[in-house]
Amino acid sequence: MTSATLTIDLNAIARNWQAMDALSAHNVETGAVVKANGYGLDAGRMAAALVATGVRSFFVADASEGIAVRRAIGETGEIYVFSGHMDGDTTVLRDNTLIPLLNSPQQVERHFSLLAQHPFGVQLDTGMNRLGMEKDEFAGLVDQLMAKGPRLVMSHLACADTPEHPQNAAQLQNFRDMTDGLKVRRSLAATAGILLGPEYHFDLCRPGVGLYGGWPFTAAMPVVQISIPVIQTRIVLKGESVGYATGWIAARNSKIATLSAGYADGLIRAMGANAQVWAGAVPCPVVGRVSMDMITVDVTDIAGIPEAFDILGPEQDIDQLAEAAGTIGHEILTSLGARYNRVYKGV
């Protein structure tokens, strides 16, 4: 097998959801975010594993993403669409029973004129300035919206992964100011928001990256493992270079292994020489530039060359690899390419 193998542990997904559900306050529902094709791991498979674990509310970025989730979970369960009711979404929303989270007065008008009897939710801007109705917009429509009965009113925290940031308390207060007294289910917390504590939980929490093994849910079980086969090994003499632009110069006679994956597979070029791969529990540094289809690794100090090295696995998680690339675990997951031999285990 010349392609790298991406192993996805569905049991770990289920256990991470159960752990986040246990952190949610009593009588608070725990949903699941499966946007970006299930954080790059296949939204249908993620949804099927999660619905079997007890999830009843799912969240996707746009209406088209909801199709695979609806097919996976069947007719039961609710699927919320963060982008709301966009122009051209009407048929997809109706045919797949998707619930748009209306973000603006224009979306409210579109939804009520085209799908008057179809369920909807509302998204509020409490300070992130990205999506949702602002306070004055919502106040002008609140009676009309409540008369129609939204399934959910939600907002999103900008700084929840920094618990001491004052923006968290400010957004919590804004959300309460806009929604206290309304007879409607409310949601404010994603993964990091859950960890802020029960006052942020309201009626429904919606973990995302924590389900897939990502920070800031440090208790998460690892979900993905990537094993990359060795194409070739060679001796590089002291003073010789490896890779594009002579990106690495051997300080000694070295043994270099060329592995069959690169930035086309989501192994971000920026990680370069900051990254390492693993032969069991032994780390080996990446040397030279990451190429489109290959990375090169210094294996001089290991006794035997395995058939494959792990770049994600028990010794290195998505956030450690992300740190090497100067990014976040979300980007590592959602960048994983189509060339992997994908193996799903569990559930």
Protein backbone atom coordinates (compact mmCIF):
# COMPACT_ATOMS: atom_id res chain seq x y z
CA MET A 1 0.00 0.00 0.00
CA THR A 2 1.70 3.21 -1.14
CA SER A 3 -0.87 5.63 0.30
CA ALA A 4 -0.83 6.63 3.92
CA THR A 5 -3.47 5.09 6.18
CA LEU A 6 -5.84 7.28 8.17
CA THR A 7 -7.50 5.29 10.96
CA ILE A 8 -10.57 6.85 12.59
CA ASP A 9 -11.77 5.44 15.90
CA LEU A 10 -15.56 5.76 16.07
CA ASN A 11 -15.60 4.38 19.61
CA ALA A 12 -13.36 7.28 20.66
CA ILE A 13 -15.82 9.71 19.05
CA ALA A 14 -18.63 8.13 21.07
CA ARG A 15 -16.68 8.18 24.32
CA ASN A 16 -15.64 11.81 23.82
CA TRP A 17 -19.28 12.77 23.34
CA GLN A 18 -20.25 10.87 26.48
CA ALA A 19 -17.53 12.67 28.42
CA MET A 20 -18.69 16.08 27.19
CA ASP A 21 -22.30 15.13 27.91
CA ALA A 22 -21.26 14.32 31.47
CA LEU A 23 -19.73 17.80 31.79
CA SER A 24 -22.95 19.48 30.66
CA ALA A 25 -25.25 20.63 33.42
CA HIS A 26 -28.11 18.41 34.59
CA ASN A 27 -31.08 18.40 32.20
CA VAL A 28 -29.03 20.09 29.46
CA GLU A 29 -29.05 18.38 26.06
CA THR A 30 -25.69 17.71 24.40
CA GLY A 31 -25.72 17.92 20.62
CA ALA A 32 -22.84 17.54 18.16
CA VAL A 33 -21.24 19.73 15.50
CA VAL A 34 -20.48 17.74 12.34
CA LYS A 35 -19.76 20.62 9.96
CA ALA A 36 -16.87 20.60 7.44
CA ASN A 37 -17.68 17.00 6.56
CA GLY A 38 -17.48 15.94 10.18
CA TYR A 39 -14.25 17.89 10.74
CA GLY A 40 -12.80 16.14 7.71
CA LEU A 41 -13.65 12.62 8.92
CA ASP A 42 -16.93 12.01 6.99
CA ALA A 43 -20.04 13.71 8.33
CA GLY A 44 -22.30 10.75 7.57
CA ARG A 45 -20.14 8.29 9.48
CA MET A 46 -19.66 10.71 12.37
CA ALA A 47 -23.40 11.37 12.59
CA ALA A 48 -24.27 7.67 12.43
CA ALA A 49 -21.85 6.89 15.27
CA LEU A 50 -23.12 9.80 17.35
CA VAL A 51 -26.82 9.12 16.86
CA ALA A 52 -26.18 5.54 18.01
CA THR A 53 -24.58 7.03 21.13
CA GLY A 54 -27.59 9.17 21.92
CA VAL A 55 -27.16 12.45 20.04
CA ARG A 56 -30.41 14.02 18.82
CA SER A 57 -29.32 17.49 17.68
CA PHE A 58 -26.68 18.08 15.01
CA PHE A 59 -25.14 21.26 13.62
CA VAL A 60 -23.75 21.87 10.12
CA ALA A 61 -22.32 24.96 8.41
CA ASP A 62 -24.65 25.16 5.42
CA ALA A 63 -27.69 23.42 4.01
CA SER A 64 -25.78 21.22 1.57
CA GLU A 65 -23.84 19.68 4.47
CA GLY A 66 -27.08 18.61 6.08
CA ILE A 67 -27.96 16.17 3.30
CA ALA A 68 -25.38 13.53 4.28
CA VAL A 69 -26.25 13.92 7.95
CA ARG A 70 -29.96 13.41 7.31
CA ARG A 71 -29.24 10.29 5.27
CA ALA A 72 -27.09 8.95 8.09
CA ILE A 73 -29.47 9.55 11.00
CA GLY A 74 -32.80 8.94 9.28
CA GLU A 75 -35.97 10.88 9.97
CA THR A 76 -35.42 11.35 13.69
CA GLY A 77 -33.18 14.03 15.14
CA GLU A 78 -32.79 17.72 14.40
CA ILE A 79 -30.17 19.21 12.09
CA TYR A 80 -29.43 22.92 12.53
CA VAL A 81 -27.80 25.03 9.82
CA PHE A 82 -25.48 27.80 11.05
CA SER A 83 -25.65 29.83 7.81
CA GLY A 84 -29.43 30.04 8.08
CA HIS A 85 -31.78 30.23 5.09
CA MET A 86 -29.62 31.38 2.19
CA ASP A 87 -30.94 32.23 -1.25
CA GLY A 88 -31.38 28.91 -3.06
CA ASP A 89 -31.58 26.78 0.10
CA THR A 90 -35.35 26.38 0.24
CA THR A 91 -35.67 23.00 -1.46
CA VAL A 92 -32.76 21.43 0.42
CA LEU A 93 -34.07 22.71 3.76
CA ARG A 94 -37.57 21.40 3.05
CA ASP A 95 -36.67 18.04 1.57
CA ASN A 96 -34.17 17.16 4.30
CA THR A 97 -36.06 18.71 7.24
CA LEU A 98 -33.16 20.99 8.11
CA ILE A 99 -33.58 23.80 10.62
CA PRO A 100 -31.99 27.09 9.51
CA LEU A 101 -30.66 29.37 12.23
CA LEU A 102 -31.89 32.68 10.87
CA ASN A 103 -29.16 35.32 11.01
CA SER A 104 -30.76 38.53 9.75
CA PRO A 105 -34.08 40.25 9.09
CA GLN A 106 -33.62 39.37 5.42
CA GLN A 107 -33.37 35.68 6.26
CA VAL A 108 -36.44 35.93 8.48
CA GLU A 109 -38.41 37.43 5.61
CA ARG A 110 -37.15 34.80 3.17
CA HIS A 111 -37.94 31.91 5.49
CA PHE A 112 -41.40 33.09 6.47
CA SER A 113 -42.37 33.82 2.87
CA LEU A 114 -41.01 30.58 1.34
CA LEU A 115 -41.29 28.04 4.17
CA ALA A 116 -43.85 29.54 6.49
CA GLN A 117 -44.64 26.29 8.32
CA HIS A 118 -41.09 24.92 8.35
CA PRO A 119 -39.12 24.82 11.64
CA PHE A 120 -36.40 27.41 12.24
CA GLY A 121 -34.04 28.71 14.88
CA VAL A 122 -32.45 32.10 15.49
CA GLN A 123 -28.80 33.06 15.78
CA LEU A 124 -27.85 36.18 17.75
CA ASP A 125 -24.70 38.29 17.65
CA THR A 126 -23.63 38.86 21.24
CA GLY A 127 -20.23 40.33 20.43
CA MET A 128 -18.40 38.13 17.94
CA ASN A 129 -19.54 40.22 14.96
CA ARG A 130 -19.64 37.30 12.61
CA LEU A 131 -23.15 35.81 12.30
CA GLY A 132 -26.49 36.56 13.89
CA MET A 133 -28.94 39.34 14.56
CA GLU A 134 -27.81 42.24 16.68
CA LYS A 135 -29.75 43.41 19.69
CA ASP A 136 -31.85 46.06 17.93
CA GLU A 137 -32.66 43.79 14.99
CA PHE A 138 -33.77 41.00 17.28
CA ALA A 139 -35.81 43.34 19.46
CA GLY A 140 -37.71 44.53 16.39
CA LEU A 141 -38.58 40.97 15.37
CA VAL A 142 -38.81 39.14 18.67
CA ASP A 143 -42.61 39.14 18.92
CA GLN A 144 -43.00 37.86 15.37
CA LEU A 145 -40.33 35.21 15.89
CA MET A 146 -41.68 33.99 19.21
CA ALA A 147 -45.18 33.79 17.78
CA LYS A 148 -43.85 31.35 15.19
CA GLY A 149 -42.03 29.29 17.80
CA PRO A 150 -38.31 28.90 17.05
CA ARG A 151 -36.78 25.55 17.97
CA LEU A 152 -33.65 27.21 19.34
CA VAL A 153 -32.06 30.60 19.96
CA MET A 154 -28.27 30.52 20.02
CA SER A 155 -25.11 32.57 19.96
CA HIS A 156 -21.39 31.80 19.75
CA LEU A 157 -18.56 32.73 22.11
CA ALA A 158 -15.47 34.37 20.65
CA CYS A 159 -12.97 33.71 23.45
CA ALA A 160 -14.21 30.65 25.32
CA ASP A 161 -10.84 28.89 24.88
CA THR A 162 -9.34 31.66 27.06
CA PRO A 163 -11.42 31.24 30.24
CA GLU A 164 -10.23 34.42 31.93
CA HIS A 165 -11.02 36.64 28.93
CA PRO A 166 -13.60 39.33 29.87
CA GLN A 167 -15.37 38.83 26.53
CA ASN A 168 -16.87 35.60 27.88
CA ALA A 169 -18.75 37.26 30.71
CA ALA A 170 -19.73 40.16 28.45
CA GLN A 171 -21.24 37.84 25.84
CA LEU A 172 -23.00 35.79 28.51
CA GLN A 173 -24.62 38.96 29.84
CA ASN A 174 -25.56 40.13 26.35
CA PHE A 175 -27.15 36.75 25.61
CA ARG A 176 -29.15 36.92 28.82
CA ASP A 177 -30.21 40.51 28.16
CA MET A 178 -31.51 39.48 24.73
CA THR A 179 -33.21 36.21 25.70
CA ASP A 180 -34.12 36.06 29.39
CA GLY A 181 -37.87 35.65 29.78
CA LEU A 182 -38.40 34.11 26.34
CA LYS A 183 -40.07 30.72 26.27
CA VAL A 184 -37.54 29.10 23.96
CA ARG A 185 -34.61 26.71 24.18
CA ARG A 186 -31.24 28.45 24.26
CA SER A 187 -27.65 27.49 23.36
CA LEU A 188 -24.40 29.37 23.89
CA ALA A 189 -21.66 26.80 24.58
CA ALA A 190 -19.55 24.83 22.12
CA THR A 191 -16.60 22.71 23.33
CA ALA A 192 -14.74 25.47 25.13
CA GLY A 193 -17.96 27.02 26.40
CA ILE A 194 -18.91 23.76 28.09
CA LEU A 195 -15.64 23.91 30.01
CA LEU A 196 -16.47 27.44 31.26
CA GLY A 197 -19.14 25.98 33.52
CA PRO A 198 -22.89 25.50 33.94
CA GLU A 199 -23.87 29.16 33.67
CA TYR A 200 -22.91 28.97 29.97
CA HIS A 201 -24.83 25.74 29.25
CA PHE A 202 -28.47 26.88 29.09
CA ASP A 203 -30.63 24.20 27.41
CA LEU A 204 -28.32 22.72 24.78
CA CYS A 205 -24.54 22.43 24.41
CA ARG A 206 -22.99 21.78 21.02
CA PRO A 207 -19.45 20.32 21.26
CA GLY A 208 -17.38 20.25 18.10
CA VAL A 209 -13.60 19.82 18.10
CA GLY A 210 -13.63 18.14 21.52
CA LEU A 211 -15.46 15.20 20.00
CA TYR A 212 -12.62 14.68 17.54
CA GLY A 213 -9.81 14.74 20.09
CA GLY A 214 -8.99 18.44 20.01
CA TRP A 215 -8.00 21.15 22.49
CA PRO A 216 -9.23 22.63 24.79
CA PHE A 217 -10.89 19.36 25.83
CA THR A 218 -7.65 17.88 27.14
CA ALA A 219 -9.39 14.75 28.45
CA ALA A 220 -10.44 13.78 24.91
CA MET A 221 -9.44 10.39 23.59
CA PRO A 222 -7.42 10.52 20.35
CA VAL A 223 -9.62 9.79 17.34
CA VAL A 224 -7.24 9.74 14.38
CA GLN A 225 -4.02 7.96 13.54
CA ILE A 226 -1.99 8.50 10.36
CA SER A 227 0.63 5.95 9.34
CA ILE A 228 2.80 6.90 6.36
CA PRO A 229 4.71 4.22 4.43
CA VAL A 230 8.38 4.54 3.57
CA ILE A 231 9.12 4.81 -0.16
CA GLN A 232 12.90 4.87 0.02
CA THR A 233 15.84 5.37 2.36
CA ARG A 234 19.21 6.82 1.42
CA ILE A 235 22.49 7.95 2.94
CA VAL A 236 23.06 11.71 2.77
CA LEU A 237 26.69 12.71 3.35
CA LYS A 238 27.73 15.55 5.63
CA GLY A 239 27.24 18.85 3.80
CA GLU A 240 24.67 17.51 1.32
CA SER A 241 21.16 18.93 1.21
CA VAL A 242 17.67 17.45 1.26
CA GLY A 243 14.56 18.75 -0.45
CA TYR A 244 13.51 21.89 -2.28
CA ALA A 245 15.68 24.98 -1.92
CA THR A 246 18.32 22.90 -0.11
CA GLY A 247 16.09 23.28 2.94
CA TRP A 248 18.18 21.05 5.19
CA ILE A 249 21.95 20.50 5.22
CA ALA A 250 23.31 17.34 6.82
CA ALA A 251 25.58 18.13 9.76
CA ARG A 252 26.80 14.52 9.69
CA ASN A 253 26.43 11.49 7.48
CA SER A 254 22.73 10.74 7.82
CA LYS A 255 20.13 8.17 6.87
CA ILE A 256 17.04 9.82 5.38
CA ALA A 257 13.67 8.12 4.80
CA THR A 258 11.23 9.50 2.23
CA LEU A 259 7.59 8.99 3.26
CA SER A 260 4.54 8.85 1.00
CA ALA A 261 2.43 11.85 2.09
CA GLY A 262 2.71 15.62 1.87
CA TYR A 263 0.80 18.84 1.88
CA ALA A 264 -1.67 17.47 -0.69
CA ASP A 265 -2.70 15.11 2.12
CA GLY A 266 -3.13 17.93 4.65
CA LEU A 267 0.35 17.70 6.17
CA ILE A 268 0.68 21.43 6.14
CA ARG A 269 3.85 22.74 4.49
CA ALA A 270 4.43 25.22 7.31
CA MET A 271 5.18 22.47 9.80
CA GLY A 272 8.52 21.83 8.08
CA ALA A 273 11.38 20.96 10.38
CA ASN A 274 9.31 21.67 13.50
CA ALA A 275 7.46 18.38 13.07
CA GLN A 276 8.37 14.82 13.86
CA VAL A 277 7.09 11.35 13.05
CA TRP A 278 7.18 8.32 15.27
CA ALA A 279 8.58 4.81 14.96
CA GLY A 280 6.61 3.30 17.82
CA ALA A 281 7.59 5.46 20.79
CA VAL A 282 10.73 6.88 19.11
CA PRO A 283 10.50 10.34 17.53
CA CYS A 284 12.26 11.12 14.24
CA PRO A 285 12.55 14.71 12.98
CA VAL A 286 11.15 15.86 9.66
CA VAL A 287 13.95 17.46 7.64
CA GLY A 288 13.76 19.73 4.61
CA ARG A 289 10.58 21.14 3.16
CA VAL A 290 7.30 19.26 3.13
CA SER A 291 6.57 18.48 -0.53
CA MET A 292 3.20 17.95 -2.20
CA ASP A 293 3.46 14.14 -1.99
CA MET A 294 6.40 13.41 0.30
CA ILE A 295 8.15 14.29 3.51
CA THR A 296 11.72 13.39 4.43
CA VAL A 297 12.73 12.20 7.86
CA ASP A 298 16.07 11.76 9.63
CA VAL A 299 16.20 8.12 10.77
CA THR A 300 19.93 7.95 11.48
CA ASP A 301 19.51 7.16 15.16
CA ILE A 302 16.98 4.34 15.02
CA ALA A 303 18.09 0.73 14.84
CA GLY A 304 15.70 -0.51 12.18
CA ILE A 305 13.52 1.22 9.63
CA PRO A 306 9.84 0.34 9.98
CA GLU A 307 7.59 0.02 6.95
CA ALA A 308 5.61 3.08 8.10
CA PHE A 309 5.85 5.97 10.55
CA ASP A 310 3.03 7.61 12.51
CA ILE A 311 2.58 11.37 12.24
CA LEU A 312 -0.63 11.26 14.28
CA GLY A 313 -1.26 8.66 16.92
CA PRO A 314 -0.62 7.78 20.55
CA GLU A 315 2.58 9.83 20.73
CA GLN A 316 1.46 12.94 18.82
CA ASP A 317 -2.06 14.35 18.70
CA ILE A 318 -3.65 16.85 16.32
CA ASP A 319 -2.81 19.83 18.52
CA GLN A 320 0.86 18.90 18.86
CA LEU A 321 1.13 18.58 15.10
CA ALA A 322 -0.79 21.83 14.71
CA GLU A 323 1.66 23.61 17.00
CA ALA A 324 4.53 22.51 14.74
CA ALA A 325 2.68 24.07 11.80
CA GLY A 326 1.73 27.25 13.65
CA THR A 327 -1.98 26.52 13.41
CA ILE A 328 -4.80 24.79 15.35
CA GLY A 329 -6.06 21.23 15.49
CA HIS A 330 -9.21 22.20 13.60
CA GLU A 331 -7.12 22.99 10.51
CA ILE A 332 -5.16 19.76 10.73
CA LEU A 333 -8.35 17.69 10.86
CA THR A 334 -10.27 19.53 8.16
CA SER A 335 -7.28 19.53 5.79
CA LEU A 336 -6.85 15.77 5.67
CA GLY A 337 -6.90 14.87 2.00
CA ALA A 338 -8.75 12.30 -0.10
CA ARG A 339 -5.78 10.07 -0.87
CA TYR A 340 -5.60 8.33 2.48
CA ASN A 341 -6.61 4.72 2.81
CA ARG A 342 -9.33 5.43 5.38
CA VAL A 343 -10.07 2.78 7.98
CA TYR A 344 -13.00 3.20 10.35
CA LYS A 345 -13.07 1.05 13.45
CA GLY A 346 -15.63 0.63 16.21
CA VAL A 347 -19.36 1.28 16.70
